[in-house]
Amino acid sequence: QVQLVESGGALVQAGGSLRLSCAASGRTFSIAAMGWYRQAPGKQRELVAAIISGSSINYADSVKGRFTATRDNAKNTVYLQMNSLKPEDTAVYYCYAHTTFPIPYDSWGQGTQVTVSS
């Protein structure tokens, strides 16, 4: 099993920056991919960034050029550097991990609140 804990969420002014962290524990050797989703009140959860095997990264169009996701395989931690934040970025951000052993399974963190004021 994999456990995920996010941190770094805060209240920030528009145009500011914030960095989120997600630490994985448990059977981390089974993790094939990690990344970030977010969900705003009344809206569906959307993919922010996906990191496959620590190399390929897929970003949502709305955050390209502003957000940067990285993965430290040795520390089993992923980060999301968010720059030029907009009020539209306000949401609960969730870390996820996709494992393939013994069966395909997605693990989720509890979420961390990011609020961007105008």
C-alpha atoms as a PDB file:
ATOM      1  CA  GLN A   1       0.000   0.000   0.000  1.00  0.00           C
ATOM      2  CA  VAL A   2       1.021   3.614  -0.564  1.00  0.00           C
ATOM      3  CA  GLN A   3       0.281   6.544   1.715  1.00  0.00           C
ATOM      4  CA  LEU A   4       0.489  10.145   0.498  1.00  0.00           C
ATOM      5  CA  VAL A   5       0.685  13.369   2.502  1.00  0.00           C
ATOM      6  CA  GLU A   6       0.476  16.808   0.874  1.00  0.00           C
ATOM      7  CA  SER A   7       1.705  20.058   2.353  1.00  0.00           C
ATOM      8  CA  GLY A   8       2.339  23.651   1.356  1.00  0.00           C
ATOM      9  CA  GLY A   9      -1.157  24.951   0.698  1.00  0.00           C
ATOM     10  CA  ALA A  10      -1.780  28.525   1.783  1.00  0.00           C
ATOM     11  CA  LEU A  11      -3.451  31.838   1.048  1.00  0.00           C
ATOM     12  CA  VAL A  12      -1.506  33.871  -1.497  1.00  0.00           C
ATOM     13  CA  GLN A  13      -2.114  37.015  -3.529  1.00  0.00           C
ATOM     14  CA  ALA A  14      -2.582  36.898  -7.272  1.00  0.00           C
ATOM     15  CA  GLY A  15       0.768  36.929  -9.020  1.00  0.00           C
ATOM     16  CA  GLY A  16       2.477  35.221  -6.117  1.00  0.00           C
ATOM     17  CA  SER A  17       4.147  31.830  -5.869  1.00  0.00           C
ATOM     18  CA  LEU A  18       3.675  28.693  -3.836  1.00  0.00           C
ATOM     19  CA  ARG A  19       5.263  25.245  -3.709  1.00  0.00           C
ATOM     20  CA  LEU A  20       3.391  22.094  -2.788  1.00  0.00           C
ATOM     21  CA  SER A  21       5.026  18.890  -1.611  1.00  0.00           C
ATOM     22  CA  CYS A  22       3.774  15.317  -1.483  1.00  0.00           C
ATOM     23  CA  ALA A  23       5.606  12.607   0.424  1.00  0.00           C
ATOM     24  CA  ALA A  24       4.910   8.960  -0.350  1.00  0.00           C
ATOM     25  CA  SER A  25       5.451   6.088   2.029  1.00  0.00           C
ATOM     26  CA  GLY A  26       4.741   2.381   2.089  1.00  0.00           C
ATOM     27  CA  ARG A  27       5.339   0.236  -0.970  1.00  0.00           C
ATOM     28  CA  THR A  28       6.822   3.106  -2.934  1.00  0.00           C
ATOM     29  CA  PHE A  29       8.824   0.798  -5.184  1.00  0.00           C
ATOM     30  CA  SER A  30       5.556  -0.106  -6.893  1.00  0.00           C
ATOM     31  CA  ILE A  31       4.795   3.484  -7.934  1.00  0.00           C
ATOM     32  CA  ALA A  32       4.767   3.921 -11.691  1.00  0.00           C
ATOM     33  CA  ALA A  33       3.528   7.509 -11.836  1.00  0.00           C
ATOM     34  CA  MET A  34       2.824  10.435  -9.529  1.00  0.00           C
ATOM     35  CA  GLY A  35       1.248  13.814 -10.011  1.00  0.00           C
ATOM     36  CA  TRP A  36      -1.325  16.385  -9.033  1.00  0.00           C
ATOM     37  CA  TYR A  37      -5.053  16.953  -9.439  1.00  0.00           C
ATOM     38  CA  ARG A  38      -7.138  19.843  -8.184  1.00  0.00           C
ATOM     39  CA  GLN A  39     -10.800  20.440  -7.474  1.00  0.00           C
ATOM     40  CA  ALA A  40     -12.546  23.760  -6.960  1.00  0.00           C
ATOM     41  CA  PRO A  41     -15.932  24.012  -5.202  1.00  0.00           C
ATOM     42  CA  GLY A  42     -18.717  23.014  -7.550  1.00  0.00           C
ATOM     43  CA  LYS A  43     -16.313  21.856 -10.243  1.00  0.00           C
ATOM     44  CA  GLN A  44     -15.010  18.479 -11.320  1.00  0.00           C
ATOM     45  CA  ARG A  45     -11.569  17.283 -10.386  1.00  0.00           C
ATOM     46  CA  GLU A  46      -9.015  18.030 -13.094  1.00  0.00           C
ATOM     47  CA  LEU A  47      -5.509  16.856 -13.842  1.00  0.00           C
ATOM     48  CA  VAL A  48      -2.827  19.466 -13.175  1.00  0.00           C
ATOM     49  CA  ALA A  49       0.371  17.551 -13.862  1.00  0.00           C
ATOM     50  CA  ALA A  50       1.323  13.922 -14.360  1.00  0.00           C
ATOM     51  CA  ILE A  51       4.854  12.561 -14.023  1.00  0.00           C
ATOM     52  CA  ILE A  52       5.534   9.204 -15.641  1.00  0.00           C
ATOM     53  CA  SER A  53       8.607   7.326 -14.392  1.00  0.00           C
ATOM     54  CA  GLY A  54      10.148  10.610 -13.310  1.00  0.00           C
ATOM     55  CA  SER A  55      10.688  11.791 -16.877  1.00  0.00           C
ATOM     56  CA  SER A  56       7.639  12.565 -19.001  1.00  0.00           C
ATOM     57  CA  ILE A  57       5.420  15.354 -17.670  1.00  0.00           C
ATOM     58  CA  ASN A  58       1.964  16.277 -18.897  1.00  0.00           C
ATOM     59  CA  TYR A  59       0.476  19.625 -17.823  1.00  0.00           C
ATOM     60  CA  ALA A  60      -3.019  20.978 -18.072  1.00  0.00           C
ATOM     61  CA  ASP A  61      -3.264  23.773 -20.638  1.00  0.00           C
ATOM     62  CA  SER A  62      -4.415  26.195 -17.956  1.00  0.00           C
ATOM     63  CA  VAL A  63      -1.149  25.903 -16.001  1.00  0.00           C
ATOM     64  CA  LYS A  64       1.448  25.481 -18.749  1.00  0.00           C
ATOM     65  CA  GLY A  65       4.242  28.000 -18.398  1.00  0.00           C
ATOM     66  CA  ARG A  66       3.301  28.782 -14.789  1.00  0.00           C
ATOM     67  CA  PHE A  67       3.483  25.474 -12.911  1.00  0.00           C
ATOM     68  CA  THR A  68       6.389  23.052 -12.739  1.00  0.00           C
ATOM     69  CA  ALA A  69       6.118  19.531 -11.352  1.00  0.00           C
ATOM     70  CA  THR A  70       9.155  17.545 -10.261  1.00  0.00           C
ATOM     71  CA  ARG A  71       9.740  14.151  -8.705  1.00  0.00           C
ATOM     72  CA  ASP A  72      12.555  13.091  -6.418  1.00  0.00           C
ATOM     73  CA  ASN A  73      12.606   9.316  -6.757  1.00  0.00           C
ATOM     74  CA  ALA A  74      15.165   8.860  -3.977  1.00  0.00           C
ATOM     75  CA  LYS A  75      12.960  10.732  -1.503  1.00  0.00           C
ATOM     76  CA  ASN A  76       9.665   9.456  -2.932  1.00  0.00           C
ATOM     77  CA  THR A  77       8.436  13.024  -3.062  1.00  0.00           C
ATOM     78  CA  VAL A  78       6.792  15.126  -5.745  1.00  0.00           C
ATOM     79  CA  TYR A  79       6.614  18.899  -5.858  1.00  0.00           C
ATOM     80  CA  LEU A  80       4.468  21.441  -7.618  1.00  0.00           C
ATOM     81  CA  GLN A  81       6.019  24.877  -8.045  1.00  0.00           C
ATOM     82  CA  MET A  82       3.262  27.364  -8.824  1.00  0.00           C
ATOM     83  CA  ASN A  83       4.132  30.805 -10.153  1.00  0.00           C
ATOM     84  CA  SER A  84       2.028  33.715 -11.381  1.00  0.00           C
ATOM     85  CA  LEU A  85      -0.933  32.388  -9.455  1.00  0.00           C
ATOM     86  CA  LYS A  86      -4.427  33.438 -10.460  1.00  0.00           C
ATOM     87  CA  PRO A  87      -7.708  33.409  -8.522  1.00  0.00           C
ATOM     88  CA  GLU A  88      -8.823  30.647 -10.903  1.00  0.00           C
ATOM     89  CA  ASP A  89      -6.124  28.427  -9.385  1.00  0.00           C
ATOM     90  CA  THR A  90      -8.003  28.363  -6.076  1.00  0.00           C
ATOM     91  CA  ALA A  91      -8.792  24.728  -5.285  1.00  0.00           C
ATOM     92  CA  VAL A  92      -7.954  21.761  -3.142  1.00  0.00           C
ATOM     93  CA  TYR A  93      -4.867  20.147  -4.616  1.00  0.00           C
ATOM     94  CA  TYR A  94      -4.520  16.373  -4.405  1.00  0.00           C
ATOM     95  CA  CYS A  95      -1.415  14.304  -4.838  1.00  0.00           C
ATOM     96  CA  TYR A  96      -1.820  10.907  -6.493  1.00  0.00           C
ATOM     97  CA  ALA A  97       0.271   7.841  -7.134  1.00  0.00           C
ATOM     98  CA  HIS A  98      -0.413   5.080  -9.617  1.00  0.00           C
ATOM     99  CA  THR A  99       0.838   1.623  -8.710  1.00  0.00           C
ATOM    100  CA  THR A 100       0.895  -1.461 -10.885  1.00  0.00           C
ATOM    101  CA  PHE A 101       1.748  -4.143  -8.339  1.00  0.00           C
ATOM    102  CA  PRO A 102       0.060  -6.353  -7.393  1.00  0.00           C
ATOM    103  CA  ILE A 103      -2.787  -4.805  -9.401  1.00  0.00           C
ATOM    104  CA  PRO A 104      -3.313  -1.368 -10.953  1.00  0.00           C
ATOM    105  CA  TYR A 105      -4.381   1.041  -8.216  1.00  0.00           C
ATOM    106  CA  ASP A 106      -4.541   4.789  -7.587  1.00  0.00           C
ATOM    107  CA  SER A 107      -3.645   6.282  -4.208  1.00  0.00           C
ATOM    108  CA  TRP A 108      -4.700   9.772  -3.126  1.00  0.00           C
ATOM    109  CA  GLY A 109      -3.604  12.218  -0.468  1.00  0.00           C
ATOM    110  CA  GLN A 110      -6.026  14.120   1.746  1.00  0.00           C
ATOM    111  CA  GLY A 111      -5.555  17.341  -0.197  1.00  0.00           C
ATOM    112  CA  THR A 112      -4.160  20.767   0.606  1.00  0.00           C
ATOM    113  CA  GLN A 113      -6.059  24.030   0.157  1.00  0.00           C
ATOM    114  CA  VAL A 114      -4.665  26.708  -2.127  1.00  0.00           C
ATOM    115  CA  THR A 115      -6.454  30.046  -2.112  1.00  0.00           C
ATOM    116  CA  VAL A 116      -5.446  32.886  -4.418  1.00  0.00           C
ATOM    117  CA  SER A 117      -6.893  36.289  -3.610  1.00  0.00           C
ATOM    118  CA  SER A 118      -7.429  39.035  -6.159  1.00  0.00           C
END
